[in-house]
Amino acid sequence: MSARFKEAFQEFWRLNVSKIGVAFLTILVILSVYVIATYPLDFGVRYWNNPVYWADYPKSAPPSWINHFSHEKIPEHYVFSSDKPSNTSITESGKRLIYLFKLDFQADRTPTFLSLTIKNVTYYDKPVMIRLNATRPDRKNIELYRYTVPAPYGNESPPYKRFYDQPKRISLTGDMSVASTLARFLQREYNVTVKPSEVNSIGQHTVIFSVPKNNTQFTVLKGDYVFYIMVDTYDPRDSIGEVKLVLGGDVYGFMGTDSLGRDLSVGLLFGFPIALFIGIVTSTITTLIGAGLGIMGGYIGGKLDEVIQRTADFVNNIPLLPLLIFLAFILGQNIWIIVFLLVVFGWPTLTIIVRSMVLQLKSGQFIEAAIAIGAPRWWIMFRHIFPQVAPFVFAQLIFFTPTFILLEAALSFLGLGDPTMPTWGQILEYGFRSGGIYVGLWWWIIPPGLLIIWTAITFVLIALGMEPVVNPRLRRMK
């Protein structure tokens, strides 16, 4: 580490804004690395923009942590799914796959509905049978539902495949067979006589998660529930791809959901690497082009300088955002096109400033000495001029980053972002377009806005910390 770099770093690190900015940037980078390592690259197309994937999630549900600020604990929405059984047992007729889902239920209201989903069932002999049982906190067991997969059709030959194209979704709330089962359960366990139609009116989910006071009144039963999904197979080759149990609620997750049921915490997380990618990559390319052209124009001069300066003046006087909107609409909504447009129209300001700095430096004695010993132009520009302007150029790179992040967010907010991946600007745009801001869905609007501001402030703080390095007049007296 050179003495000059060490001194510059110490000057940068001396300020509290620098430390805060670096801490914020570290968090942004860690979250971005986590997303890149755990999310598929086609997350936007395969999941985020796929309504089928979010079909079992609540629509416009606030985050679950609002229960900490409410006198009544609202039931959370739970989606239990598994593609591997928790246990396997051997029966007389074959094999039983057992899927186990546990729930600590502490809400003051019962869930709003229950549903069971199965997909990718394959069998070779007899149709697979699926059963759903529940064990309540009072140790009472309920066999809620039985379902047999459709038998072979006509000339169909094994293996028999079911629910590959469209998962089988069974709504237990409103199902009369479940209502009959629960009516018998109430009669047997509590000596309460109700008809299945009355259970259907009360709500199957209410009976499952409650203790009856009488025929019409129920008290919520809190505690540990265990749901068993048992799949009876009759051939060793029989299999089931996934089972899913959904308990409907009114709150969900850490950031809630939008009007399509999409988990906003997932979309907000995915926005971190996109924001950093657009900000850092675009600012880096723009800075390299702007600084390079400024050094070349300022030192070489002549017609090259004239062409560079006239082009920079022309591009610099074009209203940027309206032009970006027009070109994004014409060329297409793709992240690479957005980066390209930001680079094309982002370099002139830095070129003009760096050129003025180089004009002052080129008359210095160290430059004249290099020329006298026959140093080539590229050597002088790279070894003598660039180190003098490097601190300023690096500070401008930091300043450019939030600018480009905000420009991308503005394009996405106007509906011109890349539709194949979720960004904070897109989440904001859909929240406005769907009316979320007008009906008080604050969890849909505030978090992406705060994340945009936080990311921009991170780089502003780092840039402020760079000012004493760039401008010696701001350094402390020693």
Protein backbone atom coordinates (compact mmCIF):
# COMPACT_ATOMS: atom_id res chain seq x y z
CA MET A 1 0.00 0.00 0.00
CA SER A 2 1.58 3.28 -1.09
CA ALA A 3 2.00 6.10 1.41
CA ARG A 4 -0.25 8.35 -0.67
CA PHE A 5 -3.10 5.82 -0.75
CA LYS A 6 -2.70 5.13 2.96
CA GLU A 7 -2.92 8.82 3.76
CA ALA A 8 -6.01 9.20 1.57
CA PHE A 9 -7.69 6.24 3.22
CA GLN A 10 -6.95 7.55 6.71
CA GLU A 11 -8.42 10.91 5.74
CA PHE A 12 -11.52 9.19 4.34
CA TRP A 13 -11.96 6.90 7.35
CA ARG A 14 -11.55 9.77 9.83
CA LEU A 15 -15.11 11.01 9.15
CA ASN A 16 -18.15 9.38 10.71
CA VAL A 17 -20.14 9.73 7.47
CA SER A 18 -17.55 7.53 5.78
CA LYS A 19 -17.92 4.79 8.37
CA ILE A 20 -21.71 4.92 8.19
CA GLY A 21 -21.64 4.84 4.40
CA VAL A 22 -19.28 1.85 4.32
CA ALA A 23 -21.43 0.02 6.90
CA PHE A 24 -24.55 0.62 4.79
CA LEU A 25 -22.73 -0.49 1.64
CA THR A 26 -21.55 -3.68 3.38
CA ILE A 27 -25.16 -4.54 4.25
CA LEU A 28 -26.26 -3.89 0.66
CA VAL A 29 -23.50 -6.11 -0.70
CA ILE A 30 -24.22 -8.95 1.75
CA LEU A 31 -27.92 -8.94 0.88
CA SER A 32 -27.11 -8.83 -2.84
CA VAL A 33 -24.72 -11.78 -2.57
CA TYR A 34 -27.34 -13.72 -0.62
CA VAL A 35 -29.95 -13.12 -3.32
CA ILE A 36 -27.57 -14.06 -6.15
CA ALA A 37 -26.58 -17.25 -4.32
CA THR A 38 -30.11 -18.39 -3.42
CA TYR A 39 -32.48 -17.03 -6.09
CA PRO A 40 -32.72 -18.50 -9.61
CA LEU A 41 -31.67 -16.16 -12.39
CA ASP A 42 -35.11 -16.43 -14.00
CA PHE A 43 -36.88 -15.63 -10.72
CA GLY A 44 -38.87 -12.80 -12.30
CA VAL A 45 -40.33 -14.91 -15.11
CA ARG A 46 -40.70 -18.22 -13.28
CA TYR A 47 -42.02 -16.93 -9.97
CA TRP A 48 -42.62 -13.20 -9.58
CA ASN A 49 -44.68 -12.73 -12.75
CA ASN A 50 -46.39 -16.13 -12.51
CA PRO A 51 -49.87 -15.73 -10.91
CA VAL A 52 -50.25 -19.51 -10.50
CA TYR A 53 -47.30 -19.61 -8.12
CA TRP A 54 -48.97 -17.05 -5.80
CA ALA A 55 -52.48 -18.54 -5.99
CA ASP A 56 -52.36 -19.83 -2.40
CA TYR A 57 -51.12 -16.58 -0.88
CA PRO A 58 -53.35 -13.86 0.61
CA LYS A 59 -54.11 -10.77 -1.43
CA SER A 60 -53.14 -7.34 -0.07
CA ALA A 61 -52.25 -8.75 3.36
CA PRO A 62 -50.27 -6.56 5.79
CA PRO A 63 -47.07 -7.87 7.42
CA SER A 64 -47.47 -10.25 10.34
CA TRP A 65 -45.50 -8.06 12.77
CA ILE A 66 -48.42 -5.62 13.02
CA ASN A 67 -49.80 -8.09 15.57
CA HIS A 68 -47.29 -6.65 18.03
CA PHE A 69 -49.12 -3.30 17.83
CA SER A 70 -52.70 -4.61 17.82
CA HIS A 71 -54.91 -5.43 20.80
CA GLU A 72 -56.34 -8.36 18.81
CA LYS A 73 -53.97 -10.92 17.35
CA ILE A 74 -54.87 -11.41 13.69
CA PRO A 75 -54.46 -14.92 12.23
CA GLU A 76 -51.40 -15.35 10.06
CA HIS A 77 -51.54 -16.96 6.64
CA TYR A 78 -49.61 -20.22 6.49
CA VAL A 79 -48.52 -22.17 3.42
CA PHE A 80 -47.07 -25.56 4.34
CA SER A 81 -45.57 -27.52 1.47
CA SER A 82 -43.25 -30.45 1.08
CA ASP A 83 -41.95 -32.63 -1.73
CA LYS A 84 -40.52 -35.25 0.63
CA PRO A 85 -42.45 -37.18 3.29
CA SER A 86 -41.59 -36.67 6.95
CA ASN A 87 -41.98 -40.37 7.56
CA THR A 88 -42.68 -43.60 5.67
CA SER A 89 -44.34 -46.73 6.98
CA ILE A 90 -45.12 -50.12 5.49
CA THR A 91 -48.76 -51.23 5.37
CA GLU A 92 -50.38 -54.52 4.38
CA SER A 93 -51.24 -53.18 0.95
CA GLY A 94 -48.14 -51.11 0.26
CA LYS A 95 -46.41 -48.03 1.58
CA ARG A 96 -47.74 -44.98 3.44
CA LEU A 97 -46.09 -41.60 2.99
CA ILE A 98 -46.69 -39.25 5.93
CA TYR A 99 -46.29 -35.48 5.61
CA LEU A 100 -46.25 -33.69 8.96
CA PHE A 101 -46.99 -29.98 9.45
CA LYS A 102 -46.89 -28.35 12.90
CA LEU A 103 -48.47 -25.04 13.86
CA ASP A 104 -48.36 -22.99 17.06
CA PHE A 105 -51.66 -21.14 16.73
CA GLN A 106 -52.02 -18.07 18.99
CA ALA A 107 -54.41 -15.81 17.07
CA ASP A 108 -57.62 -14.44 18.57
CA ARG A 109 -59.59 -15.41 15.46
CA THR A 110 -59.71 -18.66 13.52
CA PRO A 111 -58.16 -18.99 10.05
CA THR A 112 -60.32 -17.81 7.17
CA PHE A 113 -60.11 -21.04 5.13
CA LEU A 114 -58.27 -24.33 4.66
CA SER A 115 -57.18 -25.92 1.41
CA LEU A 116 -55.18 -28.98 0.33
CA THR A 117 -53.17 -29.09 -2.89
CA ILE A 118 -51.50 -32.10 -4.49
CA LYS A 119 -49.48 -32.29 -7.68
CA ASN A 120 -47.48 -34.67 -9.84
CA VAL A 121 -49.05 -37.96 -8.71
CA THR A 122 -47.85 -41.14 -10.41
CA TYR A 123 -49.18 -44.64 -9.74
CA TYR A 124 -48.90 -48.02 -11.46
CA ASP A 125 -51.67 -50.17 -10.00
CA LYS A 126 -54.43 -49.02 -7.67
CA PRO A 127 -55.17 -45.27 -7.40
CA VAL A 128 -53.39 -43.49 -4.56
CA MET A 129 -55.48 -42.56 -1.51
CA ILE A 130 -54.83 -39.30 0.39
CA ARG A 131 -56.05 -38.57 3.92
CA LEU A 132 -55.80 -35.45 6.06
CA ASN A 133 -55.88 -35.71 9.86
CA ALA A 134 -55.49 -33.02 12.50
CA THR A 135 -54.47 -33.26 16.16
CA ARG A 136 -55.57 -30.29 18.26
CA PRO A 137 -54.03 -28.79 21.44
CA ASP A 138 -56.69 -30.63 23.51
CA ARG A 139 -55.30 -33.94 22.14
CA LYS A 140 -58.43 -34.61 20.12
CA ASN A 141 -57.86 -36.09 16.68
CA ILE A 142 -59.99 -35.36 13.61
CA GLU A 143 -59.90 -37.26 10.36
CA LEU A 144 -60.80 -34.34 8.15
CA TYR A 145 -60.72 -35.58 4.60
CA ARG A 146 -60.23 -38.56 2.28
CA TYR A 147 -59.53 -38.38 -1.41
CA THR A 148 -58.79 -41.06 -4.00
CA VAL A 149 -56.89 -40.08 -7.13
CA PRO A 150 -58.90 -40.68 -10.35
CA ALA A 151 -58.72 -44.23 -11.68
CA PRO A 152 -57.26 -45.08 -15.12
CA TYR A 153 -59.19 -43.94 -18.16
CA GLY A 154 -60.22 -46.29 -20.98
CA ASN A 155 -57.14 -47.55 -22.81
CA GLU A 156 -54.68 -45.71 -20.53
CA SER A 157 -51.63 -47.77 -19.60
CA PRO A 158 -49.29 -47.40 -16.61
CA PRO A 159 -47.70 -45.30 -15.32
CA TYR A 160 -50.83 -43.25 -14.62
CA LYS A 161 -50.00 -39.58 -14.15
CA ARG A 162 -52.32 -37.12 -12.49
CA PHE A 163 -52.17 -33.39 -11.74
CA TYR A 164 -48.99 -32.64 -13.68
CA ASP A 165 -50.42 -29.86 -15.84
CA GLN A 166 -52.73 -28.44 -13.19
CA PRO A 167 -52.37 -29.12 -9.43
CA LYS A 168 -55.42 -30.50 -7.64
CA ARG A 169 -56.63 -27.87 -5.17
CA ILE A 170 -59.25 -29.01 -2.67
CA SER A 171 -61.05 -26.36 -0.63
CA LEU A 172 -61.82 -27.91 2.74
CA THR A 173 -63.85 -24.89 3.73
CA GLY A 174 -67.26 -25.41 2.17
CA ASP A 175 -66.75 -29.14 1.53
CA MET A 176 -69.79 -31.09 2.75
CA SER A 177 -67.84 -34.27 3.46
CA VAL A 178 -65.61 -32.29 5.85
CA ALA A 179 -68.74 -30.72 7.36
CA SER A 180 -70.23 -34.19 8.00
CA THR A 181 -66.98 -35.35 9.62
CA LEU A 182 -66.91 -32.30 11.90
CA ALA A 183 -70.58 -32.71 12.82
CA ARG A 184 -69.85 -36.27 14.01
CA PHE A 185 -66.74 -34.98 15.84
CA LEU A 186 -68.79 -32.39 17.77
CA GLN A 187 -71.40 -34.98 18.68
CA ARG A 188 -68.83 -37.53 19.83
CA GLU A 189 -66.45 -35.26 21.73
CA TYR A 190 -68.69 -32.47 23.06
CA ASN A 191 -72.20 -33.89 22.82
CA VAL A 192 -73.13 -30.95 20.60
CA THR A 193 -75.62 -31.79 17.88
CA VAL A 194 -75.34 -29.81 14.67
CA LYS A 195 -76.19 -30.65 11.10
CA PRO A 196 -73.52 -30.69 8.38
CA SER A 197 -75.26 -27.76 6.73
CA GLU A 198 -74.96 -25.81 9.98
CA VAL A 199 -71.25 -26.67 10.21
CA ASN A 200 -70.92 -25.41 6.66
CA SER A 201 -72.57 -22.13 7.68
CA ILE A 202 -70.40 -21.77 10.78
CA GLY A 203 -67.29 -22.62 8.78
CA GLN A 204 -65.25 -25.81 8.88
CA HIS A 205 -62.15 -23.82 9.80
CA THR A 206 -64.00 -22.34 12.80
CA VAL A 207 -64.94 -25.77 14.15
CA ILE A 208 -61.41 -27.16 13.70
CA PHE A 209 -59.78 -24.29 15.60
CA SER A 210 -62.42 -23.81 18.30
CA VAL A 211 -64.16 -25.33 21.30
CA PRO A 212 -67.99 -25.16 21.21
CA LYS A 213 -69.93 -23.30 23.90
CA ASN A 214 -73.20 -24.40 22.37
CA ASN A 215 -74.61 -25.11 18.92
CA THR A 216 -73.77 -21.68 17.56
CA GLN A 217 -71.00 -20.20 19.71
CA PHE A 218 -67.35 -21.25 19.60
CA THR A 219 -64.22 -20.16 21.47
CA VAL A 220 -60.85 -20.10 19.73
CA LEU A 221 -58.60 -22.95 20.85
CA LYS A 222 -54.97 -21.79 21.01
CA GLY A 223 -51.93 -24.02 21.10
CA ASP A 224 -50.06 -26.60 19.05
CA TYR A 225 -51.80 -28.17 16.07
CA VAL A 226 -50.39 -31.02 14.03
CA PHE A 227 -51.67 -31.83 10.54
CA TYR A 228 -50.93 -35.21 8.98
CA ILE A 229 -51.25 -35.81 5.26
CA MET A 230 -51.08 -39.56 4.66
CA VAL A 231 -50.65 -40.92 1.16
CA ASP A 232 -51.35 -44.66 0.75
CA THR A 233 -49.55 -46.18 -2.25
CA TYR A 234 -49.86 -49.72 -3.60
CA ASP A 235 -46.77 -50.04 -5.76
CA PRO A 236 -43.14 -49.30 -4.82
CA ARG A 237 -42.89 -47.04 -7.87
CA ASP A 238 -45.84 -44.84 -6.88
CA SER A 239 -44.90 -41.25 -6.07
CA ILE A 240 -46.29 -37.80 -5.36
CA GLY A 241 -44.49 -34.60 -6.33
CA GLU A 242 -45.71 -32.15 -3.71
CA VAL A 243 -48.39 -31.69 -1.08
CA LYS A 244 -49.44 -28.31 0.21
CA LEU A 245 -51.69 -27.29 3.09
CA VAL A 246 -52.88 -23.69 3.26
CA LEU A 247 -54.39 -22.05 6.33
CA GLY A 248 -55.88 -18.74 5.30
CA GLY A 249 -55.08 -15.66 7.34
CA ASP A 250 -55.21 -11.87 7.16
CA VAL A 251 -51.50 -11.10 7.71
CA TYR A 252 -48.46 -12.65 6.07
CA GLY A 253 -44.69 -12.54 6.17
CA PHE A 254 -42.30 -9.75 7.03
CA MET A 255 -43.43 -7.28 4.36
CA GLY A 256 -46.96 -8.41 3.50
CA THR A 257 -48.31 -9.09 0.01
CA ASP A 258 -49.56 -7.12 -2.98
CA SER A 259 -52.90 -7.43 -4.77
CA LEU A 260 -51.70 -10.56 -6.61
CA GLY A 261 -50.62 -12.27 -3.40
CA ARG A 262 -46.90 -11.87 -4.12
CA ASP A 263 -44.65 -11.83 -1.08
CA LEU A 264 -43.23 -8.31 -1.10
CA SER A 265 -40.23 -9.26 1.04
CA VAL A 266 -39.09 -11.59 -1.76
CA GLY A 267 -39.45 -8.88 -4.42
CA LEU A 268 -37.74 -6.26 -2.27
CA LEU A 269 -34.81 -8.60 -1.61
CA PHE A 270 -34.41 -9.29 -5.31
CA GLY A 271 -34.21 -5.55 -5.89
CA PHE A 272 -30.90 -5.21 -4.00
CA PRO A 273 -28.56 -6.79 -6.57
CA ILE A 274 -30.43 -5.12 -9.42
CA ALA A 275 -30.05 -1.68 -7.84
CA LEU A 276 -26.35 -2.22 -7.14
CA PHE A 277 -25.77 -3.69 -10.60
CA ILE A 278 -27.38 -0.76 -12.39
CA GLY A 279 -25.79 1.82 -10.11
CA ILE A 280 -22.23 0.47 -9.93
CA VAL A 281 -21.88 -0.96 -13.44
CA THR A 282 -23.41 2.08 -15.12
CA SER A 283 -21.43 4.58 -13.05
CA THR A 284 -18.18 2.67 -13.60
CA ILE A 285 -18.57 2.54 -17.39
CA THR A 286 -19.75 6.15 -17.50
CA THR A 287 -16.81 7.30 -15.36
CA LEU A 288 -14.25 5.43 -17.46
CA ILE A 289 -15.63 6.92 -20.68
CA GLY A 290 -16.04 10.43 -19.26
CA ALA A 291 -12.62 10.53 -17.60
CA GLY A 292 -10.87 8.97 -20.59
CA LEU A 293 -12.36 11.40 -23.10
CA GLY A 294 -11.71 14.34 -20.76
CA ILE A 295 -8.02 13.43 -20.36
CA MET A 296 -7.58 12.81 -24.10
CA GLY A 297 -9.34 16.01 -25.10
CA GLY A 298 -7.56 18.16 -22.54
CA TYR A 299 -4.05 16.84 -23.20
CA ILE A 300 -4.05 16.07 -26.94
CA GLY A 301 -6.22 19.07 -27.90
CA GLY A 302 -6.75 20.04 -31.52
CA LYS A 303 -9.57 18.59 -33.60
CA LEU A 304 -9.99 15.64 -31.24
CA ASP A 305 -10.68 18.01 -28.35
CA GLU A 306 -13.08 20.01 -30.50
CA VAL A 307 -15.09 16.93 -31.49
CA ILE A 308 -15.22 15.63 -27.93
CA GLN A 309 -16.28 18.97 -26.47
CA ARG A 310 -18.94 19.74 -29.06
CA THR A 311 -20.39 16.25 -28.64
CA ALA A 312 -20.32 16.60 -24.87
CA ASP A 313 -22.02 20.00 -25.02
CA PHE A 314 -24.72 18.64 -27.34
CA VAL A 315 -25.47 15.54 -25.26
CA ASN A 316 -25.24 17.46 -21.99
CA ASN A 317 -27.95 19.91 -23.05
CA ILE A 318 -30.47 17.23 -23.99
CA PRO A 319 -33.23 16.80 -21.35
CA LEU A 320 -32.26 13.36 -20.05
CA LEU A 321 -35.38 11.85 -18.46
CA PRO A 322 -37.81 12.62 -21.32
CA LEU A 323 -35.30 11.23 -23.83
CA LEU A 324 -34.75 8.10 -21.73
CA ILE A 325 -38.51 7.57 -21.56
CA PHE A 326 -38.83 7.92 -25.33
CA LEU A 327 -35.89 5.63 -26.17
CA ALA A 328 -36.85 3.00 -23.58
CA PHE A 329 -40.32 2.92 -25.13
CA ILE A 330 -38.90 2.61 -28.67
CA LEU A 331 -35.97 0.24 -28.05
CA GLY A 332 -37.66 -2.01 -25.50
CA GLN A 333 -37.80 -2.62 -21.78
CA ASN A 334 -34.60 -4.55 -21.09
CA ILE A 335 -32.08 -4.01 -18.31
CA TRP A 336 -29.15 -3.96 -20.76
CA ILE A 337 -30.85 -1.35 -22.93
CA ILE A 338 -31.48 0.76 -19.82
CA VAL A 339 -27.81 0.49 -18.80
CA PHE A 340 -26.73 1.36 -22.35
CA LEU A 341 -28.92 4.46 -22.46
CA LEU A 342 -27.75 5.66 -19.05
CA VAL A 343 -24.12 5.28 -20.15
CA VAL A 344 -24.64 7.02 -23.51
CA PHE A 345 -26.15 10.10 -21.89
CA GLY A 346 -24.23 10.12 -18.62
CA TRP A 347 -20.60 10.80 -19.55
CA PRO A 348 -20.51 14.47 -20.83
CA THR A 349 -20.52 16.27 -17.46
CA LEU A 350 -17.46 14.42 -16.19
CA THR A 351 -15.66 14.87 -19.52
CA ILE A 352 -16.07 18.64 -19.41
CA ILE A 353 -14.84 18.90 -15.79
CA VAL A 354 -11.87 16.54 -16.24
CA ARG A 355 -10.80 18.39 -19.42
CA SER A 356 -10.62 21.67 -17.51
CA MET A 357 -8.46 20.01 -14.85
CA VAL A 358 -6.13 18.51 -17.46
CA LEU A 359 -5.67 21.90 -19.17
CA GLN A 360 -4.20 23.20 -15.92
CA LEU A 361 -2.07 20.10 -15.32
CA LYS A 362 -0.55 19.86 -18.80
CA SER A 363 1.48 23.02 -18.26
CA GLY A 364 3.06 21.67 -15.08
CA GLN A 365 6.78 21.09 -14.83
CA PHE A 366 6.46 17.34 -14.29
CA ILE A 367 4.57 17.07 -17.62
CA GLU A 368 7.16 19.19 -19.43
CA ALA A 369 9.92 17.05 -17.93
CA ALA A 370 8.23 13.87 -19.17
CA ILE A 371 7.90 15.36 -22.66
CA ALA A 372 11.56 16.41 -22.60
CA ILE A 373 12.76 12.86 -21.97
CA GLY A 374 10.59 11.61 -24.85
CA ALA A 375 7.73 9.95 -22.96
CA PRO A 376 4.83 9.03 -25.28
CA ARG A 377 1.45 10.68 -24.92
CA TRP A 378 -0.35 7.62 -23.57
CA TRP A 379 2.36 7.21 -20.92
CA ILE A 380 2.03 10.81 -19.80
CA MET A 381 -1.76 10.60 -19.68
CA PHE A 382 -1.74 7.30 -17.79
CA ARG A 383 1.24 7.79 -15.47
CA HIS A 384 1.25 11.53 -14.80
CA ILE A 385 -2.16 13.07 -15.52
CA PHE A 386 -4.55 10.33 -14.45
CA PRO A 387 -3.12 9.97 -10.90
CA GLN A 388 -3.69 13.71 -10.39
CA VAL A 389 -7.38 13.54 -11.33
CA ALA A 390 -8.05 10.04 -9.95
CA PRO A 391 -9.40 11.13 -6.52
CA PHE A 392 -11.89 13.46 -8.19
CA VAL A 393 -12.86 10.83 -10.76
CA PHE A 394 -13.44 8.23 -8.05
CA ALA A 395 -15.57 10.67 -6.05
CA GLN A 396 -17.65 11.33 -9.17
CA LEU A 397 -18.07 7.58 -9.66
CA ILE A 398 -19.57 7.40 -6.17
CA PHE A 399 -21.83 10.37 -6.89
CA PHE A 400 -23.00 8.88 -10.20
CA THR A 401 -24.16 5.63 -8.57
CA PRO A 402 -27.25 6.97 -6.73
CA THR A 403 -28.07 9.12 -9.75
CA PHE A 404 -28.38 6.10 -12.01
CA ILE A 405 -30.25 4.09 -9.36
CA LEU A 406 -32.81 6.88 -9.12
CA LEU A 407 -33.06 7.17 -12.91
CA GLU A 408 -33.75 3.45 -13.25
CA ALA A 409 -36.34 3.67 -10.46
CA ALA A 410 -37.96 6.58 -12.28
CA LEU A 411 -38.16 4.59 -15.52
CA SER A 412 -39.59 1.57 -13.69
CA PHE A 413 -42.08 3.79 -11.86
CA LEU A 414 -43.26 5.04 -15.25
CA GLY A 415 -43.73 1.45 -16.42
CA LEU A 416 -40.62 1.37 -18.63
CA GLY A 417 -38.42 -0.93 -16.52
CA ASP A 418 -37.45 -4.48 -17.38
CA PRO A 419 -40.64 -6.53 -16.82
CA THR A 420 -38.72 -9.82 -16.42
CA MET A 421 -37.32 -8.92 -12.99
CA PRO A 422 -38.77 -7.11 -9.97
CA THR A 423 -37.21 -3.79 -9.02
CA TRP A 424 -38.15 -1.33 -6.32
CA GLY A 425 -39.39 1.12 -8.94
CA GLN A 426 -41.62 -1.55 -10.48
CA ILE A 427 -43.09 -2.50 -7.10
CA LEU A 428 -43.90 1.17 -6.51
CA GLU A 429 -45.37 1.53 -9.99
CA TYR A 430 -47.67 -1.47 -9.58
CA GLY A 431 -48.72 -0.21 -6.16
CA PHE A 432 -49.80 3.10 -7.69
CA ARG A 433 -51.36 1.52 -10.78
CA SER A 434 -53.36 -0.99 -8.73
CA GLY A 435 -54.61 1.67 -6.36
CA GLY A 436 -52.66 0.43 -3.34
CA ILE A 437 -51.71 3.97 -2.34
CA TYR A 438 -55.33 5.09 -2.41
CA VAL A 439 -56.70 2.32 -0.15
CA GLY A 440 -53.98 2.55 2.49
CA LEU A 441 -51.73 -0.38 1.58
CA TRP A 442 -48.72 1.38 3.12
CA TRP A 443 -46.59 -1.80 3.29
CA TRP A 444 -46.69 -1.88 -0.52
CA ILE A 445 -45.59 1.72 -1.03
CA ILE A 446 -43.32 2.80 1.83
CA PRO A 447 -40.68 -0.02 1.91
CA PRO A 448 -39.53 0.22 -1.75
CA GLY A 449 -39.40 3.99 -1.46
CA LEU A 450 -37.31 3.79 1.71
CA LEU A 451 -34.95 1.26 0.11
CA ILE A 452 -34.36 3.55 -2.87
CA ILE A 453 -33.63 6.44 -0.51
CA TRP A 454 -31.40 4.29 1.72
CA THR A 455 -29.33 3.06 -1.22
CA ALA A 456 -28.92 6.57 -2.58
CA ILE A 457 -27.94 7.93 0.85
CA THR A 458 -25.34 5.16 1.22
CA PHE A 459 -23.37 6.41 -1.77
CA VAL A 460 -23.93 10.06 -0.88
CA LEU A 461 -22.37 9.43 2.54
CA ILE A 462 -19.37 7.72 0.94
CA ALA A 463 -19.03 10.62 -1.50
CA LEU A 464 -19.12 13.11 1.37
CA GLY A 465 -16.36 11.13 3.03
CA MET A 466 -14.33 11.41 -0.17
CA GLU A 467 -14.52 15.21 -0.26
CA PRO A 468 -11.53 15.83 2.05
CA VAL A 469 -9.49 13.43 -0.10
CA VAL A 470 -10.41 15.26 -3.30
CA ASN A 471 -10.25 18.79 -1.89
CA PRO A 472 -7.24 19.35 0.44
CA ARG A 473 -8.79 22.59 1.71
CA LEU A 474 -11.35 20.52 3.61
CA ARG A 475 -8.77 18.46 5.44
CA ARG A 476 -8.20 18.97 9.15
CA MET A 477 -5.36 21.17 10.32
CA LYS A 478 -2.39 19.11 11.47
